[in-house]
Amino acid sequence: GASGRNGGQVGSGYNTSQRSFAARLGPDAARRLWDLSEDGKALVRAHAPADAGYKPGIAHGGLNRAAVADDWADADYLAQSYGYTQINKLDRDDFQALVRSPLYHGGMIDHGAGHIHPLRYVLGLAQAAQAAGAILHDRSEVHHLAPGTPNTVQTGMGRVRAGHVILATNGYGTRLSGRVAARVMPVNSFIGATEPLGDRAAQVLTRDIAACDSSQVVNYFRLSHDGRLLFGGRANYRLRFPRDMGGVLHTRMGQMFPQIAQVPFSHVWGGTLGVTMTRLPCVLRLGPSMLSASGYSGHGVALATLAGQVMGQAVLGQAGRFDTLRLLPTRAFPLGACGQGGTLALAMLWAQLRDRLGL
């Protein structure tokens, strides 16, 4: 699924600022959550195979002055409260010297974050798991879970009885649990890859970094190892894949980077991720020996890696870090899983309106 075909960004923190966490959960809980997110980035760097090509640096662009001010306030808070000094604040000229788009009013670059080749990363994890003794069963779709002693996992080819079960399918298989389905909505995201840009790559990004921005329907992009621009984001308002995945994306890319507006996409693909109402991971204990984590809302490379380790520790009886992740606030969608299609369409239209109004 999307594990091998996402944007490859290894971001810091969560989709909510640490300032908000401190106000809502208290400074101690907020600090524990921040420390866990830092562990997630460190795990990716430690476990990534050499050919996954981890590179430091993620720029975040503000499409209006308010967004830039918010980024800068977050950077100041992290430096003052946690001693995290990896972020440089950039004004309009400095940001556009890095990301060659006329749309950005400024932003920041986080040198403690980075990007990676996601497919090579997930294949490296699979190989490491097999080397450690794990048995992987590809294309063995689970259609029913029954908590118990033991738990029962039902597939189309047979059933498995297990002392412990971890539900880690993110946007895939959310309906295996009603509690997960009510809180995690599967949505599709899409990426287009241009033909190799050659010398023109420096007209888009002047350094080998990844980037994203403040739009409600987030744009994310980076250069590939062979100099293509990989440009991603939402391309439709429905749960299904559109026939033309690249049309909307290419138009958006051309608006952002007029200098390559005539460069076509040579490849377009999509995958399913999980989002929550709060855009924070949904971490649940579904039974005495059944754990779940999903709904990473675009932060899955680092946070899903972290959740895997944390749930493994909980299976071994060390549940402290798992319980810290359970502090992340999530709530059910209106009408639960049944109303997700309509909820998504309304949310996307509202997000588009906010982007147009600069809110």
Protein backbone atom coordinates (compact mmCIF):
# COMPACT_ATOMS: atom_id res chain seq x y z
CA GLY A 1 0.00 0.00 0.00
CA ALA A 2 1.03 3.58 0.65
CA SER A 3 3.98 2.47 2.79
CA GLY A 4 6.07 2.09 -0.35
CA ARG A 5 4.72 4.92 -2.46
CA ASN A 6 4.33 7.94 -0.18
CA GLY A 7 6.21 11.24 -0.26
CA GLY A 8 9.04 9.89 1.88
CA GLN A 9 9.09 12.82 4.31
CA VAL A 10 10.47 12.09 7.78
CA GLY A 11 8.97 15.02 9.64
CA SER A 12 9.34 16.37 13.17
CA GLY A 13 6.53 16.22 15.68
CA TYR A 14 2.88 15.86 14.75
CA ASN A 15 0.19 17.71 12.79
CA THR A 16 -0.52 19.75 15.92
CA SER A 17 1.99 22.20 17.36
CA GLN A 18 3.69 21.48 20.65
CA ARG A 19 2.27 24.79 21.90
CA SER A 20 -1.22 23.34 21.45
CA PHE A 21 -0.27 20.09 23.16
CA ALA A 22 1.13 21.97 26.14
CA ALA A 23 -2.04 24.03 26.48
CA ARG A 24 -4.35 21.03 26.13
CA LEU A 25 -2.43 18.18 27.80
CA GLY A 26 0.01 20.02 30.05
CA PRO A 27 3.73 20.64 29.54
CA ASP A 28 4.89 17.26 30.88
CA ALA A 29 2.69 15.18 28.57
CA ALA A 30 3.54 17.46 25.65
CA ARG A 31 7.24 16.95 26.27
CA ARG A 32 6.84 13.16 26.43
CA LEU A 33 5.02 13.22 23.08
CA TRP A 34 7.73 15.38 21.53
CA ASP A 35 10.46 13.05 22.79
CA LEU A 36 8.62 10.08 21.27
CA SER A 37 8.37 11.84 17.91
CA GLU A 38 12.12 12.48 18.01
CA ASP A 39 12.61 8.76 18.70
CA GLY A 40 10.59 8.04 15.56
CA LYS A 41 12.93 10.06 13.34
CA ALA A 42 15.95 8.42 14.97
CA LEU A 43 14.48 4.96 14.31
CA VAL A 44 14.06 5.73 10.62
CA ARG A 45 17.65 6.92 10.33
CA ALA A 46 18.92 3.89 12.23
CA HIS A 47 16.95 1.27 10.27
CA ALA A 48 17.03 2.76 6.78
CA PRO A 49 19.19 0.76 4.38
CA ALA A 50 21.92 2.69 2.60
CA ASP A 51 20.09 2.59 -0.74
CA ALA A 52 17.07 4.35 0.83
CA GLY A 53 19.16 7.53 0.65
CA TYR A 54 18.10 9.45 3.76
CA LYS A 55 18.78 13.18 3.27
CA PRO A 56 18.30 15.92 5.91
CA GLY A 57 16.07 18.93 5.46
CA ILE A 58 12.35 19.69 5.10
CA ALA A 59 11.19 23.19 4.18
CA HIS A 60 7.72 24.39 5.16
CA GLY A 61 6.31 27.26 3.14
CA GLY A 62 3.68 29.74 4.25
CA LEU A 63 1.16 30.82 1.63
CA ASN A 64 0.30 33.94 3.63
CA ARG A 65 1.92 36.04 6.32
CA ALA A 66 -0.17 34.52 9.11
CA ALA A 67 1.10 31.03 8.22
CA VAL A 68 4.70 32.26 8.28
CA ALA A 69 4.18 33.91 11.67
CA ASP A 70 2.71 30.66 13.00
CA ASP A 71 5.72 28.66 11.74
CA TRP A 72 8.12 31.09 13.36
CA ALA A 73 6.25 30.97 16.67
CA ASP A 74 6.45 27.17 16.62
CA ALA A 75 10.19 27.31 15.90
CA ASP A 76 10.74 29.72 18.79
CA TYR A 77 8.72 27.52 21.16
CA LEU A 78 10.69 24.39 20.25
CA ALA A 79 14.00 26.18 20.74
CA GLN A 80 13.04 27.78 24.04
CA SER A 81 11.09 24.88 25.58
CA TYR A 82 12.94 21.81 24.27
CA GLY A 83 16.30 23.10 23.09
CA TYR A 84 15.45 22.05 19.51
CA THR A 85 17.55 24.42 17.41
CA GLN A 86 17.45 22.56 14.09
CA ILE A 87 14.99 25.02 12.51
CA ASN A 88 15.98 28.14 10.58
CA LYS A 89 13.30 30.80 10.06
CA LEU A 90 13.25 32.19 6.52
CA ASP A 91 11.77 35.42 5.22
CA ARG A 92 10.26 35.67 1.74
CA ASP A 93 13.53 36.25 -0.12
CA ASP A 94 15.43 33.56 1.76
CA PHE A 95 12.66 31.00 1.29
CA GLN A 96 12.30 31.72 -2.41
CA ALA A 97 16.05 31.37 -2.80
CA LEU A 98 15.56 27.80 -1.57
CA VAL A 99 12.14 26.93 -3.04
CA ARG A 100 11.73 28.76 -6.34
CA SER A 101 8.00 29.43 -6.17
CA PRO A 102 6.50 32.93 -6.20
CA LEU A 103 3.59 31.81 -4.02
CA TYR A 104 5.40 31.58 -0.67
CA HIS A 105 5.67 34.50 1.76
CA GLY A 106 8.38 32.80 3.81
CA GLY A 107 8.63 29.81 6.09
CA MET A 108 11.28 27.68 7.70
CA ILE A 109 13.60 24.75 7.11
CA ASP A 110 13.96 21.91 9.63
CA HIS A 111 17.41 20.36 9.38
CA GLY A 112 16.45 17.72 11.95
CA ALA A 113 13.81 16.32 9.59
CA GLY A 114 14.51 14.70 6.24
CA HIS A 115 13.37 12.55 3.36
CA ILE A 116 13.89 9.02 2.16
CA HIS A 117 13.08 6.62 -0.68
CA PRO A 118 9.99 5.03 0.90
CA LEU A 119 9.85 1.78 -1.06
CA ARG A 120 13.49 0.96 -0.41
CA TYR A 121 12.90 1.77 3.25
CA VAL A 122 9.89 -0.54 3.67
CA LEU A 123 11.61 -3.35 1.74
CA GLY A 124 14.64 -2.94 3.99
CA LEU A 125 12.44 -3.25 7.06
CA ALA A 126 10.83 -6.40 5.63
CA GLN A 127 14.22 -7.96 4.94
CA ALA A 128 15.42 -7.12 8.44
CA ALA A 129 12.26 -8.63 9.94
CA GLN A 130 12.74 -11.83 7.97
CA ALA A 131 16.38 -12.01 9.01
CA ALA A 132 15.22 -11.76 12.64
CA GLY A 133 12.83 -14.70 12.18
CA ALA A 134 9.54 -13.08 11.16
CA ILE A 135 7.37 -14.92 8.64
CA LEU A 136 5.63 -12.56 6.20
CA HIS A 137 2.49 -13.60 4.31
CA ASP A 138 1.91 -11.29 1.34
CA ARG A 139 -1.56 -11.01 -0.22
CA SER A 140 -3.22 -12.67 2.77
CA GLU A 141 -6.03 -10.17 3.38
CA VAL A 142 -7.68 -10.26 6.78
CA HIS A 143 -11.44 -9.80 6.72
CA HIS A 144 -12.37 -10.37 10.37
CA LEU A 145 -10.83 -10.00 13.82
CA ALA A 146 -12.24 -11.59 16.97
CA PRO A 147 -10.66 -10.58 20.30
CA GLY A 148 -10.39 -13.37 22.80
CA THR A 149 -8.05 -15.83 24.45
CA PRO A 150 -6.59 -16.46 21.99
CA ASN A 151 -7.52 -13.82 19.39
CA THR A 152 -8.74 -15.07 16.01
CA VAL A 153 -7.60 -13.52 12.72
CA GLN A 154 -9.68 -14.67 9.75
CA THR A 155 -8.36 -14.54 6.18
CA GLY A 156 -9.76 -15.75 2.89
CA MET A 157 -7.46 -18.79 3.06
CA GLY A 158 -7.74 -19.74 6.71
CA ARG A 159 -7.53 -18.47 10.26
CA VAL A 160 -4.75 -17.71 12.71
CA ARG A 161 -5.11 -17.90 16.48
CA ALA A 162 -2.71 -15.54 18.23
CA GLY A 163 -1.93 -14.54 21.77
CA HIS A 164 -1.40 -10.95 20.62
CA VAL A 165 -2.63 -9.03 17.55
CA ILE A 166 -1.42 -5.67 16.26
CA LEU A 167 -3.73 -3.88 13.82
CA ALA A 168 -1.36 -1.71 11.76
CA THR A 169 -3.07 -1.31 8.39
CA ASN A 170 -3.54 2.51 8.57
CA GLY A 171 -5.89 3.46 5.71
CA TYR A 172 -6.23 -0.15 4.58
CA GLY A 173 -8.52 -2.45 6.56
CA THR A 174 -9.94 0.18 8.92
CA ARG A 175 -13.28 -1.66 9.00
CA LEU A 176 -11.72 -4.60 10.82
CA SER A 177 -12.58 -2.67 13.98
CA GLY A 178 -15.64 -0.49 14.48
CA ARG A 179 -13.73 1.73 16.90
CA VAL A 180 -10.97 2.31 14.36
CA ALA A 181 -13.38 2.79 11.45
CA ALA A 182 -15.26 5.50 13.36
CA ARG A 183 -12.06 7.48 13.94
CA VAL A 184 -9.81 6.79 10.94
CA MET A 185 -10.91 7.73 7.42
CA PRO A 186 -9.15 6.20 4.40
CA VAL A 187 -8.27 8.88 1.83
CA ASN A 188 -6.20 8.73 -1.31
CA SER A 189 -3.18 10.87 -2.06
CA PHE A 190 -1.40 11.12 -5.38
CA ILE A 191 2.08 11.85 -6.70
CA GLY A 192 3.24 12.84 -10.16
CA ALA A 193 6.84 12.51 -11.30
CA THR A 194 8.12 14.73 -14.07
CA GLU A 195 10.64 13.61 -16.65
CA PRO A 196 14.22 14.23 -15.43
CA LEU A 197 14.75 17.99 -15.20
CA GLY A 198 18.52 18.06 -15.60
CA ASP A 199 19.83 21.60 -15.04
CA ARG A 200 16.25 22.83 -14.62
CA ALA A 201 16.02 21.07 -11.23
CA ALA A 202 17.79 24.04 -9.63
CA GLN A 203 14.96 26.25 -10.91
CA VAL A 204 12.64 24.41 -8.48
CA LEU A 205 14.75 23.46 -5.46
CA THR A 206 18.26 24.76 -4.99
CA ARG A 207 19.11 22.08 -2.41
CA ASP A 208 18.31 18.37 -2.07
CA ILE A 209 15.52 18.82 0.45
CA ALA A 210 11.85 17.95 0.72
CA ALA A 211 9.16 20.60 1.05
CA CYS A 212 5.51 21.01 2.02
CA ASP A 213 3.31 24.00 2.73
CA SER A 214 0.53 25.58 4.76
CA SER A 215 -2.34 24.83 2.36
CA GLN A 216 -5.25 22.91 3.85
CA VAL A 217 -4.92 20.43 0.97
CA VAL A 218 -1.19 20.03 1.52
CA ASN A 219 1.26 20.12 -1.38
CA TYR A 220 4.47 18.14 -0.87
CA PHE A 221 7.41 17.72 -3.20
CA ARG A 222 11.07 16.84 -3.55
CA LEU A 223 13.56 15.83 -6.21
CA SER A 224 14.24 12.18 -6.95
CA HIS A 225 17.72 10.71 -7.21
CA ASP A 226 17.58 11.14 -11.00
CA GLY A 227 16.40 14.75 -10.91
CA ARG A 228 12.64 14.39 -11.39
CA LEU A 229 10.27 16.57 -9.41
CA LEU A 230 7.98 14.36 -7.31
CA PHE A 231 4.89 16.47 -6.62
CA GLY A 232 2.12 15.15 -4.38
CA GLY A 233 -1.20 16.05 -2.83
CA ARG A 234 -4.93 15.35 -2.98
CA ALA A 235 -6.42 15.14 -6.47
CA ASN A 236 -10.11 14.42 -5.84
CA TYR A 237 -12.81 14.71 -3.17
CA ARG A 238 -13.90 11.08 -3.17
CA LEU A 239 -12.69 7.90 -1.54
CA ARG A 240 -12.10 6.18 -4.88
CA PHE A 241 -9.26 6.79 -7.33
CA PRO A 242 -10.04 9.19 -10.21
CA ARG A 243 -9.44 8.21 -13.83
CA ASP A 244 -7.08 11.15 -14.29
CA MET A 245 -4.88 11.19 -11.20
CA GLY A 246 -2.35 13.60 -12.65
CA GLY A 247 -4.45 16.38 -14.19
CA VAL A 248 -5.27 18.35 -11.06
CA LEU A 249 -1.80 17.73 -9.64
CA HIS A 250 -0.07 18.96 -12.79
CA THR A 251 -2.17 22.13 -12.86
CA ARG A 252 -1.29 22.81 -9.24
CA MET A 253 2.41 22.15 -9.91
CA GLY A 254 2.33 24.59 -12.83
CA GLN A 255 0.74 27.29 -10.68
CA MET A 256 3.40 26.80 -8.06
CA PHE A 257 6.32 26.50 -10.45
CA PRO A 258 5.48 28.34 -13.70
CA GLN A 259 9.02 27.79 -14.93
CA ILE A 260 8.31 24.06 -15.42
CA ALA A 261 4.57 24.25 -16.14
CA GLN A 262 5.13 22.72 -19.60
CA VAL A 263 7.12 19.75 -18.27
CA PRO A 264 4.81 16.70 -18.31
CA PHE A 265 4.46 13.97 -15.73
CA SER A 266 6.02 10.74 -16.92
CA HIS A 267 4.57 8.73 -14.01
CA VAL A 268 1.54 9.21 -11.74
CA TRP A 269 0.51 6.98 -8.85
CA GLY A 270 -1.59 7.00 -5.71
CA GLY A 271 -2.05 5.27 -2.40
CA THR A 272 -4.39 5.20 0.57
CA LEU A 273 -3.54 6.76 3.90
CA GLY A 274 -5.51 7.22 7.11
CA VAL A 275 -6.58 10.58 8.53
CA THR A 276 -8.39 11.49 11.74
CA MET A 277 -10.58 14.42 12.75
CA THR A 278 -7.68 15.92 14.72
CA ARG A 279 -5.02 14.88 12.16
CA LEU A 280 -3.28 13.00 14.98
CA PRO A 281 -2.59 9.26 15.16
CA CYS A 282 -5.34 7.10 16.63
CA VAL A 283 -3.78 4.74 19.17
CA LEU A 284 -6.15 2.26 20.80
CA ARG A 285 -6.23 -0.85 22.94
CA LEU A 286 -8.95 -2.91 21.22
CA GLY A 287 -8.80 -5.73 23.75
CA PRO A 288 -6.54 -7.08 26.50
CA SER A 289 -4.12 -8.41 23.86
CA MET A 290 -5.09 -6.49 20.72
CA LEU A 291 -3.47 -3.12 19.92
CA SER A 292 -4.02 -0.66 17.11
CA ALA A 293 -2.28 2.45 15.74
CA SER A 294 -3.29 4.28 12.56
CA GLY A 295 -4.47 7.62 11.19
CA TYR A 296 -1.01 9.18 10.84
CA SER A 297 -2.47 11.87 8.55
CA GLY A 298 0.63 12.32 6.44
CA HIS A 299 3.25 11.84 9.18
CA GLY A 300 3.45 8.09 8.86
CA VAL A 301 7.07 7.49 7.86
CA ALA A 302 8.40 8.47 11.28
CA LEU A 303 5.31 7.97 13.45
CA ALA A 304 4.30 4.56 12.07
CA THR A 305 7.89 3.36 12.52
CA LEU A 306 7.70 4.60 16.11
CA ALA A 307 4.29 2.99 16.68
CA GLY A 308 5.61 -0.36 15.51
CA GLN A 309 8.34 -0.32 18.13
CA VAL A 310 6.04 1.02 20.85
CA MET A 311 3.36 -1.63 20.22
CA GLY A 312 6.03 -4.34 20.20
CA GLN A 313 7.19 -3.14 23.61
CA ALA A 314 3.60 -3.15 24.88
CA VAL A 315 3.21 -6.78 23.80
CA LEU A 316 6.25 -7.52 25.96
CA GLY A 317 4.56 -5.82 28.93
CA GLN A 318 6.34 -2.45 28.63
CA ALA A 319 3.31 -0.26 27.86
CA GLY A 320 4.49 3.13 29.14
CA ARG A 321 5.34 4.61 25.74
CA PHE A 322 2.19 3.11 24.19
CA ASP A 323 0.10 4.76 26.89
CA THR A 324 1.80 8.08 26.16
CA LEU A 325 0.77 7.83 22.49
CA ARG A 326 -2.77 7.07 23.65
CA LEU A 327 -2.87 10.62 25.02
CA LEU A 328 -3.10 11.94 21.46
CA PRO A 329 -6.65 13.31 21.18
CA THR A 330 -8.85 11.79 18.48
CA ARG A 331 -12.63 11.63 18.17
CA ALA A 332 -15.15 9.87 15.98
CA PHE A 333 -16.25 11.36 12.67
CA PRO A 334 -19.85 12.58 12.44
CA LEU A 335 -22.04 9.53 11.72
CA GLY A 336 -18.98 7.33 12.25
CA ALA A 337 -17.72 5.17 9.40
CA CYS A 338 -21.02 5.36 7.52
CA GLY A 339 -20.75 9.10 6.89
CA GLN A 340 -17.11 9.27 5.86
CA GLY A 341 -17.72 9.80 2.13
CA GLY A 342 -19.87 12.87 2.70
CA THR A 343 -17.61 14.10 5.49
CA LEU A 344 -14.57 13.90 3.22
CA ALA A 345 -16.26 15.82 0.39
CA LEU A 346 -17.41 18.60 2.73
CA ALA A 347 -14.02 18.78 4.44
CA MET A 348 -12.17 19.02 1.14
CA LEU A 349 -14.47 21.75 -0.17
CA TRP A 350 -14.08 23.71 3.05
CA ALA A 351 -10.27 23.28 2.88
CA GLN A 352 -10.22 24.51 -0.71
CA LEU A 353 -12.31 27.55 0.25
CA ARG A 354 -9.96 28.35 3.12
CA ASP A 355 -6.96 28.13 0.78
CA ARG A 356 -8.60 30.51 -1.70
CA LEU A 357 -9.46 32.99 1.06
CA GLY A 358 -6.01 32.71 2.60
CA LEU A 359 -7.35 31.58 5.97
